[in-house]
Amino acid sequence: MVIGLLILTAIPVTTGVAQGVAAQRDQNQRKKDETRMQKFYIDIFCDVPSSRINEIHGGRIVLQDERLWIGPPSITNPSEHGYVAEAFYIEYPDKEVCF
């Protein structure tokens, strides 16, 4: 009888510990991804001598009506101008991966 009670209590404890370890591993991976994948907007840099440089330089890429537009530099999502293009920078090669 004692062995039966021991088995009945050991199974849920083992399952709980395994779930806790898996959750901690997932949380550590999310933290690592947050530092690796930093979101940024695509800003325009223009140093070509032109009469329209003030309209272009410092603007942000905006997607609207299946076209690419140049929006004001302070624009963020959500926007009435369209969707401001966002990107992720992933460092390559990854310092943690060794081949």
PDB file of N, CA and C in Angstrom:
ATOM      1  N   MET A   1       0.815  -1.197   0.000  1.00  0.00           N
ATOM      2  CA  MET A   1       0.000   0.000   0.000  1.00  0.00           C
ATOM      3  C   MET A   1       0.860   1.263   0.000  1.00  0.00           C
ATOM      4  N   VAL A   2       1.939   1.249   0.755  1.00  0.00           N
ATOM      5  CA  VAL A   2       2.821   2.407   0.819  1.00  0.00           C
ATOM      6  C   VAL A   2       3.465   2.655  -0.534  1.00  0.00           C
ATOM      7  N   ILE A   3       3.824   1.589  -1.233  1.00  0.00           N
ATOM      8  CA  ILE A   3       4.431   1.736  -2.559  1.00  0.00           C
ATOM      9  C   ILE A   3       3.420   2.327  -3.536  1.00  0.00           C
ATOM     10  N   GLY A   4       2.177   1.939  -3.429  1.00  0.00           N
ATOM     11  CA  GLY A   4       1.120   2.485  -4.288  1.00  0.00           C
ATOM     12  C   GLY A   4       0.932   3.983  -4.074  1.00  0.00           C
ATOM     13  N   LEU A   5       0.939   4.425  -2.810  1.00  0.00           N
ATOM     14  CA  LEU A   5       0.815   5.855  -2.501  1.00  0.00           C
ATOM     15  C   LEU A   5       2.036   6.626  -2.994  1.00  0.00           C
ATOM     16  N   LEU A   6       3.201   6.011  -2.863  1.00  0.00           N
ATOM     17  CA  LEU A   6       4.431   6.644  -3.335  1.00  0.00           C
ATOM     18  C   LEU A   6       4.390   6.861  -4.845  1.00  0.00           C
ATOM     19  N   ILE A   7       3.911   5.875  -5.573  1.00  0.00           N
ATOM     20  CA  ILE A   7       3.803   5.984  -7.028  1.00  0.00           C
ATOM     21  C   ILE A   7       2.778   7.048  -7.408  1.00  0.00           C
ATOM     22  N   LEU A   8       1.644   7.074  -6.690  1.00  0.00           N
ATOM     23  CA  LEU A   8       0.599   8.056  -6.994  1.00  0.00           C
ATOM     24  C   LEU A   8       1.065   9.494  -6.756  1.00  0.00           C
ATOM     25  N   THR A   9       1.938   9.704  -5.793  1.00  0.00           N
ATOM     26  CA  THR A   9       2.436  11.062  -5.547  1.00  0.00           C
ATOM     27  C   THR A   9       3.643  11.398  -6.410  1.00  0.00           C
ATOM     28  N   ALA A  10       4.398  10.396  -6.833  1.00  0.00           N
ATOM     29  CA  ALA A  10       5.607  10.656  -7.615  1.00  0.00           C
ATOM     30  C   ALA A  10       5.292  11.091  -9.040  1.00  0.00           C
ATOM     31  N   ILE A  11       4.245  10.570  -9.626  1.00  0.00           N
ATOM     32  CA  ILE A  11       3.914  10.900 -11.023  1.00  0.00           C
ATOM     33  C   ILE A  11       3.557  12.381 -11.179  1.00  0.00           C
ATOM     34  N   PRO A  12       2.655  12.937 -10.373  1.00  0.00           N
ATOM     35  CA  PRO A  12       2.362  14.368 -10.534  1.00  0.00           C
ATOM     36  C   PRO A  12       3.550  15.277 -10.212  1.00  0.00           C
ATOM     37  N   VAL A  13       4.364  14.887  -9.229  1.00  0.00           N
ATOM     38  CA  VAL A  13       5.541  15.685  -8.882  1.00  0.00           C
ATOM     39  C   VAL A  13       6.520  15.704 -10.040  1.00  0.00           C
ATOM     40  N   THR A  14       6.769  14.562 -10.643  1.00  0.00           N
ATOM     41  CA  THR A  14       7.690  14.485 -11.782  1.00  0.00           C
ATOM     42  C   THR A  14       7.161  15.299 -12.958  1.00  0.00           C
ATOM     43  N   THR A  15       5.869  15.204 -13.223  1.00  0.00           N
ATOM     44  CA  THR A  15       5.262  15.976 -14.308  1.00  0.00           C
ATOM     45  C   THR A  15       5.361  17.473 -14.042  1.00  0.00           C
ATOM     46  N   GLY A  16       5.103  17.891 -12.816  1.00  0.00           N
ATOM     47  CA  GLY A  16       5.185  19.308 -12.460  1.00  0.00           C
ATOM     48  C   GLY A  16       6.595  19.856 -12.584  1.00  0.00           C
ATOM     49  N   VAL A  17       7.571  19.091 -12.148  1.00  0.00           N
ATOM     50  CA  VAL A  17       8.969  19.521 -12.257  1.00  0.00           C
ATOM     51  C   VAL A  17       9.369  19.649 -13.720  1.00  0.00           C
ATOM     52  N   ALA A  18       8.966  18.688 -14.545  1.00  0.00           N
ATOM     53  CA  ALA A  18       9.294  18.739 -15.980  1.00  0.00           C
ATOM     54  C   ALA A  18       8.651  19.950 -16.645  1.00  0.00           C
ATOM     55  N   GLN A  19       7.414  20.259 -16.297  1.00  0.00           N
ATOM     56  CA  GLN A  19       6.750  21.437 -16.864  1.00  0.00           C
ATOM     57  C   GLN A  19       7.424  22.723 -16.400  1.00  0.00           C
ATOM     58  N   GLY A  20       7.846  22.767 -15.150  1.00  0.00           N
ATOM     59  CA  GLY A  20       8.546  23.945 -14.645  1.00  0.00           C
ATOM     60  C   GLY A  20       9.872  24.176 -15.344  1.00  0.00           C
ATOM     61  N   VAL A  21      10.617  23.110 -15.581  1.00  0.00           N
ATOM     62  CA  VAL A  21      11.898  23.216 -16.277  1.00  0.00           C
ATOM     63  C   VAL A  21      11.685  23.680 -17.717  1.00  0.00           C
ATOM     64  N   ALA A  22      10.669  23.142 -18.388  1.00  0.00           N
ATOM     65  CA  ALA A  22      10.383  23.542 -19.771  1.00  0.00           C
ATOM     66  C   ALA A  22       9.948  25.006 -19.835  1.00  0.00           C
ATOM     67  N   ALA A  23       9.135  25.455 -18.877  1.00  0.00           N
ATOM     68  CA  ALA A  23       8.703  26.851 -18.859  1.00  0.00           C
ATOM     69  C   ALA A  23       9.877  27.786 -18.624  1.00  0.00           C
ATOM     70  N   GLN A  24      10.794  27.407 -17.734  1.00  0.00           N
ATOM     71  CA  GLN A  24      11.974  28.235 -17.481  1.00  0.00           C
ATOM     72  C   GLN A  24      12.853  28.307 -18.718  1.00  0.00           C
ATOM     73  N   ARG A  25      13.006  27.203 -19.431  1.00  0.00           N
ATOM     74  CA  ARG A  25      13.801  27.180 -20.660  1.00  0.00           C
ATOM     75  C   ARG A  25      13.172  28.096 -21.725  1.00  0.00           C
ATOM     76  N   ASP A  26      11.843  28.051 -21.849  1.00  0.00           N
ATOM     77  CA  ASP A  26      11.152  28.924 -22.809  1.00  0.00           C
ATOM     78  C   ASP A  26      11.312  30.388 -22.442  1.00  0.00           C
ATOM     79  N   GLN A  27      11.222  30.704 -21.157  1.00  0.00           N
ATOM     80  CA  GLN A  27      11.384  32.082 -20.711  1.00  0.00           C
ATOM     81  C   GLN A  27      12.801  32.585 -20.978  1.00  0.00           C
ATOM     82  N   ASN A  28      13.794  31.760 -20.747  1.00  0.00           N
ATOM     83  CA  ASN A  28      15.186  32.147 -21.033  1.00  0.00           C
ATOM     84  C   ASN A  28      15.388  32.373 -22.526  1.00  0.00           C
ATOM     85  N   GLN A  29      14.767  31.554 -23.376  1.00  0.00           N
ATOM     86  CA  GLN A  29      14.883  31.721 -24.824  1.00  0.00           C
ATOM     87  C   GLN A  29      14.223  33.025 -25.269  1.00  0.00           C
ATOM     88  N   ARG A  30      13.069  33.372 -24.687  1.00  0.00           N
ATOM     89  CA  ARG A  30      12.405  34.636 -25.037  1.00  0.00           C
ATOM     90  C   ARG A  30      13.261  35.839 -24.646  1.00  0.00           C
ATOM     91  N   LYS A  31      13.914  35.783 -23.478  1.00  0.00           N
ATOM     92  CA  LYS A  31      14.801  36.870 -23.062  1.00  0.00           C
ATOM     93  C   LYS A  31      15.970  37.012 -24.029  1.00  0.00           C
ATOM     94  N   LYS A  32      16.531  35.889 -24.442  1.00  0.00           N
ATOM     95  CA  LYS A  32      17.645  35.906 -25.377  1.00  0.00           C
ATOM     96  C   LYS A  32      17.209  36.489 -26.724  1.00  0.00           C
ATOM     97  N   ASP A  33      15.994  36.135 -27.176  1.00  0.00           N
ATOM     98  CA  ASP A  33      15.486  36.651 -28.444  1.00  0.00           C
ATOM     99  C   ASP A  33      15.208  38.154 -28.372  1.00  0.00           C
ATOM    100  N   GLU A  34      14.770  38.642 -27.209  1.00  0.00           N
ATOM    101  CA  GLU A  34      14.513  40.079 -27.059  1.00  0.00           C
ATOM    102  C   GLU A  34      15.777  40.894 -27.276  1.00  0.00           C
ATOM    103  N   THR A  35      16.885  40.415 -26.775  1.00  0.00           N
ATOM    104  CA  THR A  35      18.135  41.159 -26.939  1.00  0.00           C
ATOM    105  C   THR A  35      18.682  41.010 -28.350  1.00  0.00           C
ATOM    106  N   ARG A  36      18.461  39.862 -28.982  1.00  0.00           N
ATOM    107  CA  ARG A  36      18.974  39.637 -30.336  1.00  0.00           C
ATOM    108  C   ARG A  36      18.137  40.341 -31.395  1.00  0.00           C
ATOM    109  N   MET A  37      16.825  40.330 -31.231  1.00  0.00           N
ATOM    110  CA  MET A  37      15.936  40.861 -32.264  1.00  0.00           C
ATOM    111  C   MET A  37      15.376  42.209 -31.807  1.00  0.00           C
ATOM    112  N   GLN A  38      16.092  43.262 -32.110  1.00  0.00           N
ATOM    113  CA  GLN A  38      15.658  44.589 -31.725  1.00  0.00           C
ATOM    114  C   GLN A  38      14.947  45.241 -32.905  1.00  0.00           C
ATOM    115  N   LYS A  39      13.721  45.714 -32.672  1.00  0.00           N
ATOM    116  CA  LYS A  39      12.910  46.306 -33.721  1.00  0.00           C
ATOM    117  C   LYS A  39      13.361  47.742 -33.994  1.00  0.00           C
ATOM    118  N   PHE A  40      13.357  48.133 -35.262  1.00  0.00           N
ATOM    119  CA  PHE A  40      13.684  49.509 -35.616  1.00  0.00           C
ATOM    120  C   PHE A  40      12.896  49.919 -36.858  1.00  0.00           C
ATOM    121  N   TYR A  41      12.772  51.211 -37.059  1.00  0.00           N
ATOM    122  CA  TYR A  41      12.129  51.760 -38.258  1.00  0.00           C
ATOM    123  C   TYR A  41      13.196  52.018 -39.309  1.00  0.00           C
ATOM    124  N   ILE A  42      12.790  52.015 -40.562  1.00  0.00           N
ATOM    125  CA  ILE A  42      13.728  52.256 -41.653  1.00  0.00           C
ATOM    126  C   ILE A  42      13.700  53.746 -41.977  1.00  0.00           C
ATOM    127  N   ASP A  43      14.752  54.447 -41.587  1.00  0.00           N
ATOM    128  CA  ASP A  43      14.892  55.875 -41.858  1.00  0.00           C
ATOM    129  C   ASP A  43      15.744  56.077 -43.100  1.00  0.00           C
ATOM    130  N   ILE A  44      15.521  57.177 -43.777  1.00  0.00           N
ATOM    131  CA  ILE A  44      16.215  57.457 -45.030  1.00  0.00           C
ATOM    132  C   ILE A  44      17.377  58.403 -44.782  1.00  0.00           C
ATOM    133  N   PHE A  45      18.515  58.075 -45.373  1.00  0.00           N
ATOM    134  CA  PHE A  45      19.702  58.920 -45.323  1.00  0.00           C
ATOM    135  C   PHE A  45      20.057  59.294 -46.752  1.00  0.00           C
ATOM    136  N   CYS A  46      20.159  60.573 -47.012  1.00  0.00           N
ATOM    137  CA  CYS A  46      20.463  61.037 -48.361  1.00  0.00           C
ATOM    138  C   CYS A  46      21.526  62.131 -48.270  1.00  0.00           C
ATOM    139  N   ASP A  47      22.674  61.908 -48.923  1.00  0.00           N
ATOM    140  CA  ASP A  47      23.719  62.926 -48.919  1.00  0.00           C
ATOM    141  C   ASP A  47      24.065  63.397 -50.337  1.00  0.00           C
ATOM    142  N   VAL A  48      23.206  63.092 -51.294  1.00  0.00           N
ATOM    143  CA  VAL A  48      23.415  63.531 -52.670  1.00  0.00           C
ATOM    144  C   VAL A  48      22.968  64.988 -52.787  1.00  0.00           C
ATOM    145  N   PRO A  49      23.784  65.836 -53.391  1.00  0.00           N
ATOM    146  CA  PRO A  49      23.364  67.235 -53.556  1.00  0.00           C
ATOM    147  C   PRO A  49      22.143  67.313 -54.481  1.00  0.00           C
ATOM    148  N   SER A  50      21.045  67.768 -53.920  1.00  0.00           N
ATOM    149  CA  SER A  50      19.799  67.852 -54.680  1.00  0.00           C
ATOM    150  C   SER A  50      18.929  68.946 -54.086  1.00  0.00           C
ATOM    151  N   SER A  51      18.032  69.457 -54.903  1.00  0.00           N
ATOM    152  CA  SER A  51      17.114  70.488 -54.407  1.00  0.00           C
ATOM    153  C   SER A  51      16.020  69.874 -53.530  1.00  0.00           C
ATOM    154  N   ARG A  52      15.822  68.550 -53.611  1.00  0.00           N
ATOM    155  CA  ARG A  52      14.758  67.881 -52.852  1.00  0.00           C
ATOM    156  C   ARG A  52      15.295  67.117 -51.644  1.00  0.00           C
ATOM    157  N   ILE A  53      16.533  67.367 -51.258  1.00  0.00           N
ATOM    158  CA  ILE A  53      17.128  66.627 -50.147  1.00  0.00           C
ATOM    159  C   ILE A  53      16.362  66.860 -48.844  1.00  0.00           C
ATOM    160  N   ASN A  54      15.793  68.036 -48.652  1.00  0.00           N
ATOM    161  CA  ASN A  54      15.050  68.320 -47.421  1.00  0.00           C
ATOM    162  C   ASN A  54      13.770  67.492 -47.331  1.00  0.00           C
ATOM    163  N   GLU A  55      13.206  67.086 -48.470  1.00  0.00           N
ATOM    164  CA  GLU A  55      12.001  66.271 -48.476  1.00  0.00           C
ATOM    165  C   GLU A  55      12.305  64.808 -48.200  1.00  0.00           C
ATOM    166  N   ILE A  56      13.523  64.378 -48.510  1.00  0.00           N
ATOM    167  CA  ILE A  56      13.876  62.970 -48.442  1.00  0.00           C
ATOM    168  C   ILE A  56      14.663  62.626 -47.180  1.00  0.00           C
ATOM    169  N   HIS A  57      15.694  63.378 -46.887  1.00  0.00           N
ATOM    170  CA  HIS A  57      16.613  63.052 -45.793  1.00  0.00           C
ATOM    171  C   HIS A  57      15.890  63.038 -44.451  1.00  0.00           C
ATOM    172  N   GLY A  58      16.065  61.948 -43.708  1.00  0.00           N
ATOM    173  CA  GLY A  58      15.486  61.831 -42.367  1.00  0.00           C
ATOM    174  C   GLY A  58      14.074  61.287 -42.350  1.00  0.00           C
ATOM    175  N   GLY A  59      13.464  61.061 -43.497  1.00  0.00           N
ATOM    176  CA  GLY A  59      12.102  60.528 -43.540  1.00  0.00           C
ATOM    177  C   GLY A  59      12.073  59.052 -43.191  1.00  0.00           C
ATOM    178  N   ARG A  60      10.865  58.516 -43.047  1.00  0.00           N
ATOM    179  CA  ARG A  60      10.686  57.101 -42.751  1.00  0.00           C
ATOM    180  C   ARG A  60       9.927  56.428 -43.881  1.00  0.00           C
ATOM    181  N   ILE A  61      10.235  55.160 -44.093  1.00  0.00           N
ATOM    182  CA  ILE A  61       9.565  54.375 -45.117  1.00  0.00           C
ATOM    183  C   ILE A  61       8.155  54.037 -44.638  1.00  0.00           C
ATOM    184  N   VAL A  62       7.149  54.355 -45.465  1.00  0.00           N
ATOM    185  CA  VAL A  62       5.751  54.078 -45.159  1.00  0.00           C
ATOM    186  C   VAL A  62       5.164  53.268 -46.308  1.00  0.00           C
ATOM    187  N   LEU A  63       4.445  52.209 -45.977  1.00  0.00           N
ATOM    188  CA  LEU A  63       3.798  51.375 -46.978  1.00  0.00           C
ATOM    189  C   LEU A  63       2.306  51.681 -46.990  1.00  0.00           C
ATOM    190  N   GLN A  64       1.792  52.058 -48.178  1.00  0.00           N
ATOM    191  CA  GLN A  64       0.374  52.378 -48.307  1.00  0.00           C
ATOM    192  C   GLN A  64      -0.048  52.161 -49.754  1.00  0.00           C
ATOM    193  N   ASP A  65      -1.217  51.569 -49.934  1.00  0.00           N
ATOM    194  CA  ASP A  65      -1.786  51.333 -51.264  1.00  0.00           C
ATOM    195  C   ASP A  65      -0.812  50.580 -52.173  1.00  0.00           C
ATOM    196  N   GLU A  66      -0.152  49.563 -51.622  1.00  0.00           N
ATOM    197  CA  GLU A  66       0.805  48.729 -52.360  1.00  0.00           C
ATOM    198  C   GLU A  66       1.964  49.541 -52.951  1.00  0.00           C
ATOM    199  N   ARG A  67       2.308  50.636 -52.295  1.00  0.00           N
ATOM    200  CA  ARG A  67       3.423  51.474 -52.725  1.00  0.00           C
ATOM    201  C   ARG A  67       4.270  51.860 -51.527  1.00  0.00           C
ATOM    202  N   LEU A  68       5.476  52.320 -51.831  1.00  0.00           N
ATOM    203  CA  LEU A  68       6.415  52.767 -50.819  1.00  0.00           C
ATOM    204  C   LEU A  68       6.445  54.289 -50.836  1.00  0.00           C
ATOM    205  N   TRP A  69       6.223  54.914 -49.683  1.00  0.00           N
ATOM    206  CA  TRP A  69       6.201  56.366 -49.573  1.00  0.00           C
ATOM    207  C   TRP A  69       7.231  56.804 -48.545  1.00  0.00           C
ATOM    208  N   ILE A  70       7.521  58.098 -48.558  1.00  0.00           N
ATOM    209  CA  ILE A  70       8.402  58.690 -47.551  1.00  0.00           C
ATOM    210  C   ILE A  70       7.536  59.500 -46.601  1.00  0.00           C
ATOM    211  N   GLY A  71       7.549  59.106 -45.337  1.00  0.00           N
ATOM    212  CA  GLY A  71       6.734  59.791 -44.338  1.00  0.00           C
ATOM    213  C   GLY A  71       7.585  60.688 -43.458  1.00  0.00           C
ATOM    214  N   PRO A  72       6.941  61.438 -42.571  1.00  0.00           N
ATOM    215  CA  PRO A  72       7.692  62.303 -41.652  1.00  0.00           C
ATOM    216  C   PRO A  72       8.548  61.480 -40.693  1.00  0.00           C
ATOM    217  N   PRO A  73       9.628  62.058 -40.175  1.00  0.00           N
ATOM    218  CA  PRO A  73      10.549  61.289 -39.331  1.00  0.00           C
ATOM    219  C   PRO A  73       9.978  60.865 -37.983  1.00  0.00           C
ATOM    220  N   SER A  74       8.932  61.495 -37.515  1.00  0.00           N
ATOM    221  CA  SER A  74       8.394  61.171 -36.187  1.00  0.00           C
ATOM    222  C   SER A  74       7.236  60.174 -36.246  1.00  0.00           C
ATOM    223  N   ILE A  75       6.929  59.665 -37.410  1.00  0.00           N
ATOM    224  CA  ILE A  75       5.762  58.796 -37.580  1.00  0.00           C
ATOM    225  C   ILE A  75       6.031  57.411 -36.990  1.00  0.00           C
ATOM    226  N   THR A  76       5.027  56.841 -36.304  1.00  0.00           N
ATOM    227  CA  THR A  76       5.109  55.494 -35.747  1.00  0.00           C
ATOM    228  C   THR A  76       3.792  54.774 -36.032  1.00  0.00           C
ATOM    229  N   ASN A  77       3.766  53.485 -35.781  1.00  0.00           N
ATOM    230  CA  ASN A  77       2.531  52.702 -35.960  1.00  0.00           C
ATOM    231  C   ASN A  77       1.677  52.799 -34.722  1.00  0.00           C
ATOM    232  N   PRO A  78       0.384  52.824 -34.829  1.00  0.00           N
ATOM    233  CA  PRO A  78      -0.462  52.928 -36.018  1.00  0.00           C
ATOM    234  C   PRO A  78      -0.463  54.353 -36.551  1.00  0.00           C
ATOM    235  N   SER A  79      -0.651  54.489 -37.858  1.00  0.00           N
ATOM    236  CA  SER A  79      -0.564  55.798 -38.486  1.00  0.00           C
ATOM    237  C   SER A  79      -1.651  55.947 -39.534  1.00  0.00           C
ATOM    238  N   GLU A  80      -2.111  57.161 -39.698  1.00  0.00           N
ATOM    239  CA  GLU A  80      -3.104  57.423 -40.748  1.00  0.00           C
ATOM    240  C   GLU A  80      -2.447  57.525 -42.125  1.00  0.00           C
ATOM    241  N   HIS A  81      -1.126  57.637 -42.161  1.00  0.00           N
ATOM    242  CA  HIS A  81      -0.403  57.722 -43.428  1.00  0.00           C
ATOM    243  C   HIS A  81      -0.230  56.357 -44.080  1.00  0.00           C
ATOM    244  N   GLY A  82      -0.361  55.290 -43.321  1.00  0.00           N
ATOM    245  CA  GLY A  82      -0.136  53.942 -43.811  1.00  0.00           C
ATOM    246  C   GLY A  82       0.618  53.147 -42.764  1.00  0.00           C
ATOM    247  N   TYR A  83       1.219  52.051 -43.172  1.00  0.00           N
ATOM    248  CA  TYR A  83       1.981  51.220 -42.248  1.00  0.00           C
ATOM    249  C   TYR A  83       3.448  51.608 -42.314  1.00  0.00           C
ATOM    250  N   VAL A  84       4.006  52.004 -41.188  1.00  0.00           N
ATOM    251  CA  VAL A  84       5.417  52.369 -41.127  1.00  0.00           C
ATOM    252  C   VAL A  84       6.228  51.071 -41.121  1.00  0.00           C
ATOM    253  N   ALA A  85       7.164  50.953 -42.062  1.00  0.00           N
ATOM    254  CA  ALA A  85       7.953  49.729 -42.191  1.00  0.00           C
ATOM    255  C   ALA A  85       8.839  49.539 -40.968  1.00  0.00           C
ATOM    256  N   GLU A  86       8.748  48.355 -40.372  1.00  0.00           N
ATOM    257  CA  GLU A  86       9.568  48.006 -39.225  1.00  0.00           C
ATOM    258  C   GLU A  86      10.423  46.798 -39.600  1.00  0.00           C
ATOM    259  N   ALA A  87      11.574  46.691 -39.015  1.00  0.00           N
ATOM    260  CA  ALA A  87      12.474  45.584 -39.316  1.00  0.00           C
ATOM    261  C   ALA A  87      13.122  45.102 -38.022  1.00  0.00           C
ATOM    262  N   PHE A  88      13.743  43.942 -38.099  1.00  0.00           N
ATOM    263  CA  PHE A  88      14.480  43.377 -36.982  1.00  0.00           C
ATOM    264  C   PHE A  88      15.930  43.210 -37.406  1.00  0.00           C
ATOM    265  N   TYR A  89      16.832  43.495 -36.498  1.00  0.00           N
ATOM    266  CA  TYR A  89      18.245  43.284 -36.753  1.00  0.00           C
ATOM    267  C   TYR A  89      18.681  42.053 -35.976  1.00  0.00           C
ATOM    268  N   ILE A  90      19.151  41.053 -36.691  1.00  0.00           N
ATOM    269  CA  ILE A  90      19.681  39.854 -36.053  1.00  0.00           C
ATOM    270  C   ILE A  90      21.159  39.798 -36.375  1.00  0.00           C
ATOM    271  N   GLU A  91      21.972  39.816 -35.346  1.00  0.00           N
ATOM    272  CA  GLU A  91      23.414  39.816 -35.537  1.00  0.00           C
ATOM    273  C   GLU A  91      23.853  38.501 -36.174  1.00  0.00           C
ATOM    274  N   TYR A  92      24.634  38.598 -37.219  1.00  0.00           N
ATOM    275  CA  TYR A  92      25.117  37.403 -37.907  1.00  0.00           C
ATOM    276  C   TYR A  92      26.612  37.486 -38.082  1.00  0.00           C
ATOM    277  N   PRO A  93      27.365  36.508 -37.859  1.00  0.00           N
ATOM    278  CA  PRO A  93      26.945  35.225 -37.292  1.00  0.00           C
ATOM    279  C   PRO A  93      26.656  35.375 -35.813  1.00  0.00           C
ATOM    280  N   ASP A  94      25.753  34.576 -35.357  1.00  0.00           N
ATOM    281  CA  ASP A  94      25.352  34.611 -33.955  1.00  0.00           C
ATOM    282  C   ASP A  94      26.541  34.201 -33.093  1.00  0.00           C
ATOM    283  N   LYS A  95      26.852  35.025 -32.092  1.00  0.00           N
ATOM    284  CA  LYS A  95      28.015  34.762 -31.238  1.00  0.00           C
ATOM    285  C   LYS A  95      27.859  33.495 -30.413  1.00  0.00           C
ATOM    286  N   GLU A  96      26.601  33.109 -30.140  1.00  0.00           N
ATOM    287  CA  GLU A  96      26.370  31.950 -29.295  1.00  0.00           C
ATOM    288  C   GLU A  96      26.441  30.638 -30.069  1.00  0.00           C
ATOM    289  N   VAL A  97      26.297  30.689 -31.373  1.00  0.00           N
ATOM    290  CA  VAL A  97      26.322  29.477 -32.181  1.00  0.00           C
ATOM    291  C   VAL A  97      27.730  29.275 -32.707  1.00  0.00           C
ATOM    292  N   CYS A  98      28.323  28.192 -32.370  1.00  0.00           N
ATOM    293  CA  CYS A  98      29.670  27.876 -32.828  1.00  0.00           C
ATOM    294  C   CYS A  98      29.581  26.707 -33.812  1.00  0.00           C
ATOM    295  N   PHE A  99      30.240  26.858 -34.925  1.00  0.00           N
ATOM    296  CA  PHE A  99      30.211  25.786 -35.925  1.00  0.00           C
ATOM    297  C   PHE A  99      31.478  24.988 -35.854  1.00  0.00           C
TER     298      PHE A  99
END
